[in-house]
Each structure stands twice: as C-alpha cells, then as structure tokens.
Amino acid sequence: MSQTAPAYNLTRESLNTITDAEIAFGTVKLLPPYAEVPDDFKRGNHYTDVMNCLFFGKALPEIEMEFREGFQDNEAPIQLNRVVSAHLRSFAPKHEHKIAGLGYLLSLVCVLHPA
C-alpha cells in the first residue's frame, strides 16, 4: 500500500501573507488541516516543543535553526515569526491541533539541530 504525500503545501510567499490585523487578532489560514499533520507531530517532537515553549512563554530549548532551500532569504525569519505569532494568538483550533500544525509548518521551513 503506497502512501500519498499530504496536500498541504507551504511556500516562501505564503509566509508574506500575514497581515497586521492577523498579528493582532490571530488566524488559522496557514495552519495545516489536522488530518494532514504527520503523526510524529501529533505525538510531540523538537518542533512541537518549540511551539509549546512559545505558547506558554517558556525558554526555548537549545537548538540551531537551519532554513531550508527556498526559505533562506533575510526576511524569512521575520515572516516566520509573524506566521507563528499570528497562529499562536488565535482562539481556534484546539491546542493540540495548533501546536502539532505549527510544529509541522516549522519543519517545512527549517531543520532544527540540537545545540
């Protein structure tokens, strides 16, 4: 039985779509559907650990971020921060979906390496 790739696709240009209003009030527009989030993000991993730390205002784990090809320009980290902030601020969806989905989104933009 072959597995098909998830339909969720994030491009560098997608990161630029977060508005100031979405920063203020939250959004879910770039959050992948929960069904398309790989199971290891639902169970928890380094990427979801980062999202939980950001959500709860805790210190981030000792990691280094290596941006993936296509996301290596100078503005990508700034835009990624806007995306994450706007999505963490949203009152929807459930916490588990938000953290797993944002962890998956983060993994599409960069690779985390233990420091």
PDB file of N, CA and C in Angstrom:
ATOM      1  N   MET A   1       0.855  -1.173   0.000  1.00  0.00           N
ATOM      2  CA  MET A   1       0.000   0.000   0.000  1.00  0.00           C
ATOM      3  C   MET A   1       0.900   1.235   0.000  1.00  0.00           C
ATOM      4  N   SER A   2       0.734   2.108  -0.951  1.00  0.00           N
ATOM      5  CA  SER A   2       1.568   3.313  -1.027  1.00  0.00           C
ATOM      6  C   SER A   2       0.901   4.472  -0.312  1.00  0.00           C
ATOM      7  N   GLN A   3       1.744   5.309   0.267  1.00  0.00           N
ATOM      8  CA  GLN A   3       1.234   6.491   0.942  1.00  0.00           C
ATOM      9  C   GLN A   3       1.323   7.673  -0.002  1.00  0.00           C
ATOM     10  N   THR A   4       0.325   8.518   0.038  1.00  0.00           N
ATOM     11  CA  THR A   4       0.369   9.728  -0.771  1.00  0.00           C
ATOM     12  C   THR A   4       0.879  10.871   0.086  1.00  0.00           C
ATOM     13  N   ALA A   5       1.558  11.798  -0.553  1.00  0.00           N
ATOM     14  CA  ALA A   5       2.070  12.966   0.163  1.00  0.00           C
ATOM     15  C   ALA A   5       0.909  13.840   0.609  1.00  0.00           C
ATOM     16  N   PRO A   6       1.048  14.474   1.756  1.00  0.00           N
ATOM     17  CA  PRO A   6      -0.011  15.379   2.206  1.00  0.00           C
ATOM     18  C   PRO A   6      -0.254  16.492   1.192  1.00  0.00           C
ATOM     19  N   ALA A   7      -1.487  16.942   1.113  1.00  0.00           N
ATOM     20  CA  ALA A   7      -1.847  18.004   0.171  1.00  0.00           C
ATOM     21  C   ALA A   7      -1.376  19.372   0.662  1.00  0.00           C
ATOM     22  N   TYR A   8      -1.078  19.489   1.946  1.00  0.00           N
ATOM     23  CA  TYR A   8      -0.665  20.780   2.490  1.00  0.00           C
ATOM     24  C   TYR A   8       0.659  21.200   1.878  1.00  0.00           C
ATOM     25  N   ASN A   9       0.710  22.413   1.410  1.00  0.00           N
ATOM     26  CA  ASN A   9       1.921  22.938   0.789  1.00  0.00           C
ATOM     27  C   ASN A   9       2.160  24.346   1.310  1.00  0.00           C
ATOM     28  N   LEU A  10       3.365  24.604   1.746  1.00  0.00           N
ATOM     29  CA  LEU A  10       3.741  25.924   2.235  1.00  0.00           C
ATOM     30  C   LEU A  10       4.860  26.452   1.358  1.00  0.00           C
ATOM     31  N   THR A  11       4.690  27.647   0.850  1.00  0.00           N
ATOM     32  CA  THR A  11       5.723  28.271   0.028  1.00  0.00           C
ATOM     33  C   THR A  11       6.322  29.454   0.778  1.00  0.00           C
ATOM     34  N   ARG A  12       7.450  29.909   0.298  1.00  0.00           N
ATOM     35  CA  ARG A  12       8.076  31.096   0.892  1.00  0.00           C
ATOM     36  C   ARG A  12       7.126  32.274   0.815  1.00  0.00           C
ATOM     37  N   GLU A  13       6.422  32.394  -0.307  1.00  0.00           N
ATOM     38  CA  GLU A  13       5.487  33.503  -0.496  1.00  0.00           C
ATOM     39  C   GLU A  13       4.328  33.442   0.502  1.00  0.00           C
ATOM     40  N   SER A  14       3.958  32.238   0.932  1.00  0.00           N
ATOM     41  CA  SER A  14       2.879  32.087   1.916  1.00  0.00           C
ATOM     42  C   SER A  14       3.189  32.832   3.207  1.00  0.00           C
ATOM     43  N   LEU A  15       4.462  32.824   3.589  1.00  0.00           N
ATOM     44  CA  LEU A  15       4.847  33.482   4.840  1.00  0.00           C
ATOM     45  C   LEU A  15       4.561  34.977   4.808  1.00  0.00           C
ATOM     46  N   ASN A  16       4.566  35.563   3.630  1.00  0.00           N
ATOM     47  CA  ASN A  16       4.359  37.011   3.490  1.00  0.00           C
ATOM     48  C   ASN A  16       2.898  37.432   3.589  1.00  0.00           C
ATOM     49  N   THR A  17       1.980  36.491   3.723  1.00  0.00           N
ATOM     50  CA  THR A  17       0.555  36.820   3.647  1.00  0.00           C
ATOM     51  C   THR A  17      -0.073  37.219   4.976  1.00  0.00           C
ATOM     52  N   ILE A  18       0.667  37.153   6.061  1.00  0.00           N
ATOM     53  CA  ILE A  18       0.110  37.501   7.374  1.00  0.00           C
ATOM     54  C   ILE A  18       0.008  39.018   7.497  1.00  0.00           C
ATOM     55  N   THR A  19      -1.190  39.482   7.798  1.00  0.00           N
ATOM     56  CA  THR A  19      -1.446  40.919   7.910  1.00  0.00           C
ATOM     57  C   THR A  19      -1.252  41.392   9.349  1.00  0.00           C
ATOM     58  N   ASP A  20      -1.176  42.694   9.525  1.00  0.00           N
ATOM     59  CA  ASP A  20      -1.081  43.257  10.877  1.00  0.00           C
ATOM     60  C   ASP A  20      -2.328  42.935  11.694  1.00  0.00           C
ATOM     61  N   ALA A  21      -3.487  42.907  11.050  1.00  0.00           N
ATOM     62  CA  ALA A  21      -4.727  42.550  11.754  1.00  0.00           C
ATOM     63  C   ALA A  21      -4.665  41.109  12.256  1.00  0.00           C
ATOM     64  N   GLU A  22      -4.077  40.218  11.460  1.00  0.00           N
ATOM     65  CA  GLU A  22      -3.948  38.822  11.891  1.00  0.00           C
ATOM     66  C   GLU A  22      -2.936  38.684  13.023  1.00  0.00           C
ATOM     67  N   ILE A  23      -1.932  39.525  13.032  1.00  0.00           N
ATOM     68  CA  ILE A  23      -0.995  39.542  14.162  1.00  0.00           C
ATOM     69  C   ILE A  23      -1.745  39.946  15.430  1.00  0.00           C
ATOM     70  N   ALA A  24      -2.618  40.926  15.316  1.00  0.00           N
ATOM     71  CA  ALA A  24      -3.351  41.432  16.478  1.00  0.00           C
ATOM     72  C   ALA A  24      -4.431  40.467  16.962  1.00  0.00           C
ATOM     73  N   PHE A  25      -5.155  39.843  16.031  1.00  0.00           N
ATOM     74  CA  PHE A  25      -6.341  39.065  16.403  1.00  0.00           C
ATOM     75  C   PHE A  25      -6.221  37.566  16.165  1.00  0.00           C
ATOM     76  N   GLY A  26      -5.166  37.128  15.504  1.00  0.00           N
ATOM     77  CA  GLY A  26      -4.961  35.709  15.255  1.00  0.00           C
ATOM     78  C   GLY A  26      -5.535  35.249  13.935  1.00  0.00           C
ATOM     79  N   THR A  27      -5.065  34.110  13.500  1.00  0.00           N
ATOM     80  CA  THR A  27      -5.522  33.499  12.255  1.00  0.00           C
ATOM     81  C   THR A  27      -5.203  32.017  12.283  1.00  0.00           C
ATOM     82  N   VAL A  28      -5.834  31.282  11.388  1.00  0.00           N
ATOM     83  CA  VAL A  28      -5.509  29.869  11.174  1.00  0.00           C
ATOM     84  C   VAL A  28      -5.270  29.596   9.690  1.00  0.00           C
ATOM     85  N   LYS A  29      -5.111  30.649   8.897  1.00  0.00           N
ATOM     86  CA  LYS A  29      -5.100  30.473   7.443  1.00  0.00           C
ATOM     87  C   LYS A  29      -3.942  29.640   6.911  1.00  0.00           C
ATOM     88  N   LEU A  30      -2.808  29.593   7.577  1.00  0.00           N
ATOM     89  CA  LEU A  30      -1.692  28.774   7.107  1.00  0.00           C
ATOM     90  C   LEU A  30      -1.539  27.480   7.907  1.00  0.00           C
ATOM     91  N   LEU A  31      -2.430  27.244   8.850  1.00  0.00           N
ATOM     92  CA  LEU A  31      -2.361  26.037   9.671  1.00  0.00           C
ATOM     93  C   LEU A  31      -2.808  24.833   8.844  1.00  0.00           C
ATOM     94  N   PRO A  32      -1.994  23.781   8.779  1.00  0.00           N
ATOM     95  CA  PRO A  32      -2.419  22.612   8.006  1.00  0.00           C
ATOM     96  C   PRO A  32      -3.607  21.923   8.671  1.00  0.00           C
ATOM     97  N   PRO A  33      -4.482  21.311   7.872  1.00  0.00           N
ATOM     98  CA  PRO A  33      -5.572  20.522   8.458  1.00  0.00           C
ATOM     99  C   PRO A  33      -4.983  19.422   9.348  1.00  0.00           C
ATOM    100  N   TYR A  34      -5.638  19.141  10.450  1.00  0.00           N
ATOM    101  CA  TYR A  34      -5.105  18.174  11.413  1.00  0.00           C
ATOM    102  C   TYR A  34      -4.876  16.809  10.771  1.00  0.00           C
ATOM    103  N   ALA A  35      -5.753  16.408   9.867  1.00  0.00           N
ATOM    104  CA  ALA A  35      -5.623  15.112   9.197  1.00  0.00           C
ATOM    105  C   ALA A  35      -4.351  15.026   8.355  1.00  0.00           C
ATOM    106  N   GLU A  36      -3.801  16.162   7.955  1.00  0.00           N
ATOM    107  CA  GLU A  36      -2.598  16.179   7.121  1.00  0.00           C
ATOM    108  C   GLU A  36      -1.313  16.382   7.918  1.00  0.00           C
ATOM    109  N   VAL A  37      -1.438  16.527   9.216  1.00  0.00           N
ATOM    110  CA  VAL A  37      -0.257  16.669  10.075  1.00  0.00           C
ATOM    111  C   VAL A  37       0.281  15.265  10.369  1.00  0.00           C
ATOM    112  N   PRO A  38       1.556  15.000  10.069  1.00  0.00           N
ATOM    113  CA  PRO A  38       2.123  13.675  10.359  1.00  0.00           C
ATOM    114  C   PRO A  38       2.024  13.321  11.846  1.00  0.00           C
ATOM    115  N   ASP A  39       1.874  12.033  12.116  1.00  0.00           N
ATOM    116  CA  ASP A  39       1.659  11.557  13.481  1.00  0.00           C
ATOM    117  C   ASP A  39       2.761  11.950  14.456  1.00  0.00           C
ATOM    118  N   ASP A  40       4.020  12.001  14.001  1.00  0.00           N
ATOM    119  CA  ASP A  40       5.086  12.330  14.951  1.00  0.00           C
ATOM    120  C   ASP A  40       4.949  13.749  15.491  1.00  0.00           C
ATOM    121  N   PHE A  41       4.258  14.625  14.777  1.00  0.00           N
ATOM    122  CA  PHE A  41       3.995  15.972  15.287  1.00  0.00           C
ATOM    123  C   PHE A  41       2.816  15.948  16.258  1.00  0.00           C
ATOM    124  N   LYS A  42       1.893  15.026  16.073  1.00  0.00           N
ATOM    125  CA  LYS A  42       0.764  14.887  16.995  1.00  0.00           C
ATOM    126  C   LYS A  42       1.227  14.295  18.323  1.00  0.00           C
ATOM    127  N   ARG A  43       2.242  13.435  18.265  1.00  0.00           N
ATOM    128  CA  ARG A  43       2.794  12.829  19.487  1.00  0.00           C
ATOM    129  C   ARG A  43       3.756  13.770  20.198  1.00  0.00           C
ATOM    130  N   GLY A  44       4.380  14.664  19.436  1.00  0.00           N
ATOM    131  CA  GLY A  44       5.328  15.617  20.002  1.00  0.00           C
ATOM    132  C   GLY A  44       6.751  15.327  19.562  1.00  0.00           C
ATOM    133  N   ASN A  45       7.479  16.386  19.257  1.00  0.00           N
ATOM    134  CA  ASN A  45       8.878  16.276  18.834  1.00  0.00           C
ATOM    135  C   ASN A  45       9.564  17.617  19.093  1.00  0.00           C
ATOM    136  N   HIS A  46      10.770  17.798  18.581  1.00  0.00           N
ATOM    137  CA  HIS A  46      11.511  19.048  18.823  1.00  0.00           C
ATOM    138  C   HIS A  46      10.750  20.268  18.299  1.00  0.00           C
ATOM    139  N   TYR A  47      10.076  20.108  17.181  1.00  0.00           N
ATOM    140  CA  TYR A  47       9.349  21.227  16.576  1.00  0.00           C
ATOM    141  C   TYR A  47       8.145  21.630  17.431  1.00  0.00           C
ATOM    142  N   THR A  48       7.420  20.642  17.935  1.00  0.00           N
ATOM    143  CA  THR A  48       6.275  20.965  18.786  1.00  0.00           C
ATOM    144  C   THR A  48       6.730  21.456  20.155  1.00  0.00           C
ATOM    145  N   ASP A  49       7.902  20.991  20.616  1.00  0.00           N
ATOM    146  CA  ASP A  49       8.459  21.515  21.873  1.00  0.00           C
ATOM    147  C   ASP A  49       8.691  23.022  21.762  1.00  0.00           C
ATOM    148  N   VAL A  50       9.226  23.455  20.619  1.00  0.00           N
ATOM    149  CA  VAL A  50       9.451  24.888  20.388  1.00  0.00           C
ATOM    150  C   VAL A  50       8.124  25.636  20.428  1.00  0.00           C
ATOM    151  N   MET A  51       7.107  25.098  19.769  1.00  0.00           N
ATOM    152  CA  MET A  51       5.803  25.772  19.739  1.00  0.00           C
ATOM    153  C   MET A  51       5.184  25.849  21.131  1.00  0.00           C
ATOM    154  N   ASN A  52       5.299  24.779  21.905  1.00  0.00           N
ATOM    155  CA  ASN A  52       4.770  24.810  23.271  1.00  0.00           C
ATOM    156  C   ASN A  52       5.499  25.842  24.122  1.00  0.00           C
ATOM    157  N   CYS A  53       6.809  25.934  23.975  1.00  0.00           N
ATOM    158  CA  CYS A  53       7.568  26.945  24.724  1.00  0.00           C
ATOM    159  C   CYS A  53       7.108  28.349  24.351  1.00  0.00           C
ATOM    160  N   LEU A  54       6.931  28.593  23.066  1.00  0.00           N
ATOM    161  CA  LEU A  54       6.458  29.911  22.630  1.00  0.00           C
ATOM    162  C   LEU A  54       5.053  30.185  23.153  1.00  0.00           C
ATOM    163  N   PHE A  55       4.184  29.188  23.090  1.00  0.00           N
ATOM    164  CA  PHE A  55       2.802  29.358  23.542  1.00  0.00           C
ATOM    165  C   PHE A  55       2.741  29.691  25.030  1.00  0.00           C
ATOM    166  N   PHE A  56       3.528  28.976  25.828  1.00  0.00           N
ATOM    167  CA  PHE A  56       3.475  29.148  27.281  1.00  0.00           C
ATOM    168  C   PHE A  56       4.482  30.168  27.812  1.00  0.00           C
ATOM    169  N   GLY A  57       5.236  30.811  26.924  1.00  0.00           N
ATOM    170  CA  GLY A  57       6.192  31.833  27.342  1.00  0.00           C
ATOM    171  C   GLY A  57       7.385  31.282  28.092  1.00  0.00           C
ATOM    172  N   LYS A  58       7.773  30.055  27.780  1.00  0.00           N
ATOM    173  CA  LYS A  58       8.921  29.428  28.432  1.00  0.00           C
ATOM    174  C   LYS A  58      10.178  29.636  27.597  1.00  0.00           C
ATOM    175  N   ALA A  59      11.320  29.385  28.201  1.00  0.00           N
ATOM    176  CA  ALA A  59      12.595  29.474  27.479  1.00  0.00           C
ATOM    177  C   ALA A  59      12.636  28.411  26.389  1.00  0.00           C
ATOM    178  N   LEU A  60      13.185  28.792  25.242  1.00  0.00           N
ATOM    179  CA  LEU A  60      13.298  27.853  24.132  1.00  0.00           C
ATOM    180  C   LEU A  60      14.395  26.835  24.407  1.00  0.00           C
ATOM    181  N   PRO A  61      14.235  25.610  23.892  1.00  0.00           N
ATOM    182  CA  PRO A  61      15.307  24.623  24.049  1.00  0.00           C
ATOM    183  C   PRO A  61      16.553  25.065  23.284  1.00  0.00           C
ATOM    184  N   GLU A  62      17.697  24.513  23.652  1.00  0.00           N
ATOM    185  CA  GLU A  62      18.960  24.833  22.980  1.00  0.00           C
ATOM    186  C   GLU A  62      18.961  24.175  21.606  1.00  0.00           C
ATOM    187  N   ILE A  63      18.678  24.959  20.575  1.00  0.00           N
ATOM    188  CA  ILE A  63      18.620  24.447  19.207  1.00  0.00           C
ATOM    189  C   ILE A  63      19.243  25.448  18.242  1.00  0.00           C
ATOM    190  N   GLU A  64      19.617  24.945  17.100  1.00  0.00           N
ATOM    191  CA  GLU A  64      20.028  25.793  15.990  1.00  0.00           C
ATOM    192  C   GLU A  64      19.044  25.546  14.861  1.00  0.00           C
ATOM    193  N   MET A  65      18.660  26.619  14.179  1.00  0.00           N
ATOM    194  CA  MET A  65      17.719  26.513  13.066  1.00  0.00           C
ATOM    195  C   MET A  65      18.471  26.680  11.755  1.00  0.00           C
ATOM    196  N   GLU A  66      18.249  25.752  10.847  1.00  0.00           N
ATOM    197  CA  GLU A  66      18.823  25.836   9.506  1.00  0.00           C
ATOM    198  C   GLU A  66      17.653  25.958   8.531  1.00  0.00           C
ATOM    199  N   PHE A  67      17.532  27.111   7.904  1.00  0.00           N
ATOM    200  CA  PHE A  67      16.413  27.321   6.995  1.00  0.00           C
ATOM    201  C   PHE A  67      16.591  26.485   5.733  1.00  0.00           C
ATOM    202  N   ARG A  68      15.495  25.907   5.288  1.00  0.00           N
ATOM    203  CA  ARG A  68      15.506  25.053   4.099  1.00  0.00           C
ATOM    204  C   ARG A  68      15.655  25.888   2.834  1.00  0.00           C
ATOM    205  N   GLU A  69      16.036  25.209   1.772  1.00  0.00           N
ATOM    206  CA  GLU A  69      16.152  25.865   0.473  1.00  0.00           C
ATOM    207  C   GLU A  69      14.814  26.512   0.122  1.00  0.00           C
ATOM    208  N   GLY A  70      14.878  27.722  -0.360  1.00  0.00           N
ATOM    209  CA  GLY A  70      13.673  28.470  -0.685  1.00  0.00           C
ATOM    210  C   GLY A  70      13.220  29.387   0.441  1.00  0.00           C
ATOM    211  N   PHE A  71      13.756  29.164   1.645  1.00  0.00           N
ATOM    212  CA  PHE A  71      13.401  29.971   2.814  1.00  0.00           C
ATOM    213  C   PHE A  71      14.648  30.626   3.421  1.00  0.00           C
ATOM    214  N   GLN A  72      15.699  30.772   2.643  1.00  0.00           N
ATOM    215  CA  GLN A  72      16.977  31.228   3.184  1.00  0.00           C
ATOM    216  C   GLN A  72      17.250  32.713   3.004  1.00  0.00           C
ATOM    217  N   ASP A  73      16.261  33.491   2.630  1.00  0.00           N
ATOM    218  CA  ASP A  73      16.486  34.930   2.470  1.00  0.00           C
ATOM    219  C   ASP A  73      16.429  35.628   3.831  1.00  0.00           C
ATOM    220  N   ASN A  74      16.882  36.858   3.884  1.00  0.00           N
ATOM    221  CA  ASN A  74      16.964  37.610   5.142  1.00  0.00           C
ATOM    222  C   ASN A  74      15.610  37.886   5.783  1.00  0.00           C
ATOM    223  N   GLU A  75      14.552  37.955   4.991  1.00  0.00           N
ATOM    224  CA  GLU A  75      13.225  38.262   5.528  1.00  0.00           C
ATOM    225  C   GLU A  75      12.485  37.023   6.036  1.00  0.00           C
ATOM    226  N   ALA A  76      12.903  35.841   5.643  1.00  0.00           N
ATOM    227  CA  ALA A  76      12.182  34.622   6.025  1.00  0.00           C
ATOM    228  C   ALA A  76      12.030  34.464   7.542  1.00  0.00           C
ATOM    229  N   PRO A  77      13.078  34.674   8.357  1.00  0.00           N
ATOM    230  CA  PRO A  77      12.893  34.537   9.807  1.00  0.00           C
ATOM    231  C   PRO A  77      11.872  35.527  10.370  1.00  0.00           C
ATOM    232  N   ILE A  78      11.873  36.729   9.853  1.00  0.00           N
ATOM    233  CA  ILE A  78      10.922  37.752  10.313  1.00  0.00           C
ATOM    234  C   ILE A  78       9.502  37.342   9.958  1.00  0.00           C
ATOM    235  N   GLN A  79       9.318  36.885   8.727  1.00  0.00           N
ATOM    236  CA  GLN A  79       7.988  36.479   8.282  1.00  0.00           C
ATOM    237  C   GLN A  79       7.522  35.215   9.006  1.00  0.00           C
ATOM    238  N   LEU A  80       8.438  34.281   9.256  1.00  0.00           N
ATOM    239  CA  LEU A  80       8.086  33.079  10.015  1.00  0.00           C
ATOM    240  C   LEU A  80       7.630  33.454  11.418  1.00  0.00           C
ATOM    241  N   ASN A  81       8.298  34.397  12.041  1.00  0.00           N
ATOM    242  CA  ASN A  81       7.896  34.866  13.363  1.00  0.00           C
ATOM    243  C   ASN A  81       6.480  35.439  13.332  1.00  0.00           C
ATOM    244  N   ARG A  82       6.161  36.197  12.286  1.00  0.00           N
ATOM    245  CA  ARG A  82       4.809  36.752  12.147  1.00  0.00           C
ATOM    246  C   ARG A  82       3.773  35.635  11.998  1.00  0.00           C
ATOM    247  N   VAL A  83       4.103  34.623  11.198  1.00  0.00           N
ATOM    248  CA  VAL A  83       3.188  33.493  10.993  1.00  0.00           C
ATOM    249  C   VAL A  83       2.923  32.784  12.318  1.00  0.00           C
ATOM    250  N   VAL A  84       3.988  32.440  13.017  1.00  0.00           N
ATOM    251  CA  VAL A  84       3.841  31.709  14.276  1.00  0.00           C
ATOM    252  C   VAL A  84       3.080  32.548  15.299  1.00  0.00           C
ATOM    253  N   SER A  85       3.434  33.814  15.435  1.00  0.00           N
ATOM    254  CA  SER A  85       2.757  34.694  16.399  1.00  0.00           C
ATOM    255  C   SER A  85       1.269  34.800  16.117  1.00  0.00           C
ATOM    256  N   ALA A  86       0.919  35.002  14.864  1.00  0.00           N
ATOM    257  CA  ALA A  86      -0.493  35.157  14.500  1.00  0.00           C
ATOM    258  C   ALA A  86      -1.278  33.877  14.759  1.00  0.00           C
ATOM    259  N   HIS A  87      -0.667  32.735  14.506  1.00  0.00           N
ATOM    260  CA  HIS A  87      -1.371  31.473  14.711  1.00  0.00           C
ATOM    261  C   HIS A  87      -1.460  31.103  16.192  1.00  0.00           C
ATOM    262  N   LEU A  88      -0.422  31.372  16.960  1.00  0.00           N
ATOM    263  CA  LEU A  88      -0.486  31.093  18.397  1.00  0.00           C
ATOM    264  C   LEU A  88      -1.517  31.973  19.087  1.00  0.00           C
ATOM    265  N   ARG A  89      -1.747  33.141  18.561  1.00  0.00           N
ATOM    266  CA  ARG A  89      -2.679  34.104  19.145  1.00  0.00           C
ATOM    267  C   ARG A  89      -4.143  33.731  18.881  1.00  0.00           C
ATOM    268  N   SER A  90      -4.378  32.903  17.895  1.00  0.00           N
ATOM    269  CA  SER A  90      -5.742  32.537  17.515  1.00  0.00           C
ATOM    270  C   SER A  90      -6.422  31.716  18.612  1.00  0.00           C
ATOM    271  N   PHE A  91      -7.732  31.910  18.763  1.00  0.00           N
ATOM    272  CA  PHE A  91      -8.502  31.128  19.731  1.00  0.00           C
ATOM    273  C   PHE A  91      -8.930  29.781  19.156  1.00  0.00           C
ATOM    274  N   ALA A  92      -8.735  29.575  17.884  1.00  0.00           N
ATOM    275  CA  ALA A  92      -9.067  28.306  17.240  1.00  0.00           C
ATOM    276  C   ALA A  92      -7.783  27.769  16.634  1.00  0.00           C
ATOM    277  N   PRO A  93      -7.681  26.550  16.381  1.00  0.00           N
ATOM    278  CA  PRO A  93      -8.486  25.399  16.790  1.00  0.00           C
ATOM    279  C   PRO A  93      -8.054  24.926  18.177  1.00  0.00           C
ATOM    280  N   LYS A  94      -8.301  23.650  18.473  1.00  0.00           N
ATOM    281  CA  LYS A  94      -7.858  23.096  19.746  1.00  0.00           C
ATOM    282  C   LYS A  94      -6.339  23.215  19.869  1.00  0.00           C
ATOM    283  N   HIS A  95      -5.888  23.276  21.095  1.00  0.00           N
ATOM    284  CA  HIS A  95      -4.456  23.439  21.368  1.00  0.00           C
ATOM    285  C   HIS A  95      -3.605  22.366  20.672  1.00  0.00           C
ATOM    286  N   GLU A  96      -4.038  21.124  20.716  1.00  0.00           N
ATOM    287  CA  GLU A  96      -3.270  20.024  20.133  1.00  0.00           C
ATOM    288  C   GLU A  96      -3.072  20.223  18.636  1.00  0.00           C
ATOM    289  N   HIS A  97      -4.124  20.653  17.948  1.00  0.00           N
ATOM    290  CA  HIS A  97      -4.033  20.904  16.504  1.00  0.00           C
ATOM    291  C   HIS A  97      -3.101  22.076  16.238  1.00  0.00           C
ATOM    292  N   LYS A  98      -3.248  23.115  16.999  1.00  0.00           N
ATOM    293  CA  LYS A  98      -2.422  24.311  16.804  1.00  0.00           C
ATOM    294  C   LYS A  98      -0.934  23.990  16.963  1.00  0.00           C
ATOM    295  N   ILE A  99      -0.569  23.302  18.030  1.00  0.00           N
ATOM    296  CA  ILE A  99       0.837  23.010  18.304  1.00  0.00           C
ATOM    297  C   ILE A  99       1.395  22.013  17.288  1.00  0.00           C
ATOM    298  N   ALA A 100       0.653  20.958  17.002  1.00  0.00           N
ATOM    299  CA  ALA A 100       1.114  19.968  16.018  1.00  0.00           C
ATOM    300  C   ALA A 100       1.225  20.596  14.635  1.00  0.00           C
ATOM    301  N   GLY A 101       0.220  21.379  14.254  1.00  0.00           N
ATOM    302  CA  GLY A 101       0.227  22.012  12.938  1.00  0.00           C
ATOM    303  C   GLY A 101       1.339  23.028  12.779  1.00  0.00           C
ATOM    304  N   LEU A 102       1.559  23.840  13.796  1.00  0.00           N
ATOM    305  CA  LEU A 102       2.646  24.824  13.723  1.00  0.00           C
ATOM    306  C   LEU A 102       4.018  24.150  13.776  1.00  0.00           C
ATOM    307  N   GLY A 103       4.124  23.071  14.523  1.00  0.00           N
ATOM    308  CA  GLY A 103       5.376  22.315  14.516  1.00  0.00           C
ATOM    309  C   GLY A 103       5.673  21.772  13.129  1.00  0.00           C
ATOM    310  N   TYR A 104       4.647  21.236  12.479  1.00  0.00           N
ATOM    311  CA  TYR A 104       4.807  20.727  11.117  1.00  0.00           C
ATOM    312  C   TYR A 104       5.165  21.863  10.164  1.00  0.00           C
ATOM    313  N   LEU A 105       4.477  22.987  10.282  1.00  0.00           N
ATOM    314  CA  LEU A 105       4.780  24.158   9.454  1.00  0.00           C
ATOM    315  C   LEU A 105       6.244  24.562   9.643  1.00  0.00           C
ATOM    316  N   LEU A 106       6.691  24.626  10.889  1.00  0.00           N
ATOM    317  CA  LEU A 106       8.079  24.987  11.179  1.00  0.00           C
ATOM    318  C   LEU A 106       9.048  24.017  10.505  1.00  0.00           C
ATOM    319  N   SER A 107       8.710  22.729  10.508  1.00  0.00           N
ATOM    320  CA  SER A 107       9.595  21.724   9.908  1.00  0.00           C
ATOM    321  C   SER A 107       9.694  21.870   8.397  1.00  0.00           C
ATOM    322  N   LEU A 108       8.694  22.464   7.777  1.00  0.00           N
ATOM    323  CA  LEU A 108       8.732  22.695   6.333  1.00  0.00           C
ATOM    324  C   LEU A 108       9.616  23.888   5.982  1.00  0.00           C
ATOM    325  N   VAL A 109       9.815  24.776   6.949  1.00  0.00           N
ATOM    326  CA  VAL A 109      10.605  25.990   6.734  1.00  0.00           C
ATOM    327  C   VAL A 109      12.059  25.787   7.148  1.00  0.00           C
ATOM    328  N   CYS A 110      12.294  25.034   8.208  1.00  0.00           N
ATOM    329  CA  CYS A 110      13.665  24.879   8.694  1.00  0.00           C
ATOM    330  C   CYS A 110      13.877  23.517   9.343  1.00  0.00           C
ATOM    331  N   VAL A 111      15.128  23.194   9.536  1.00  0.00           N
ATOM    332  CA  VAL A 111      15.535  21.982  10.240  1.00  0.00           C
ATOM    333  C   VAL A 111      16.106  22.422  11.581  1.00  0.00           C
ATOM    334  N   LEU A 112      15.676  21.767  12.641  1.00  0.00           N
ATOM    335  CA  LEU A 112      16.189  22.073  13.977  1.00  0.00           C
ATOM    336  C   LEU A 112      17.292  21.089  14.335  1.00  0.00           C
ATOM    337  N   HIS A 113      18.380  21.618  14.848  1.00  0.00           N
ATOM    338  CA  HIS A 113      19.513  20.801  15.290  1.00  0.00           C
ATOM    339  C   HIS A 113      19.768  21.100  16.762  1.00  0.00           C
ATOM    340  N   PRO A 114      19.940  20.058  17.589  1.00  0.00           N
ATOM    341  CA  PRO A 114      20.300  20.320  18.985  1.00  0.00           C
ATOM    342  C   PRO A 114      21.613  21.102  19.042  1.00  0.00           C
ATOM    343  N   ALA A 115      21.661  22.087  19.925  1.00  0.00           N
ATOM    344  CA  ALA A 115      22.876  22.923  20.037  1.00  0.00           C
ATOM    345  C   ALA A 115      23.898  22.255  20.923  1.00  0.00           C
TER     346      ALA A 115
END
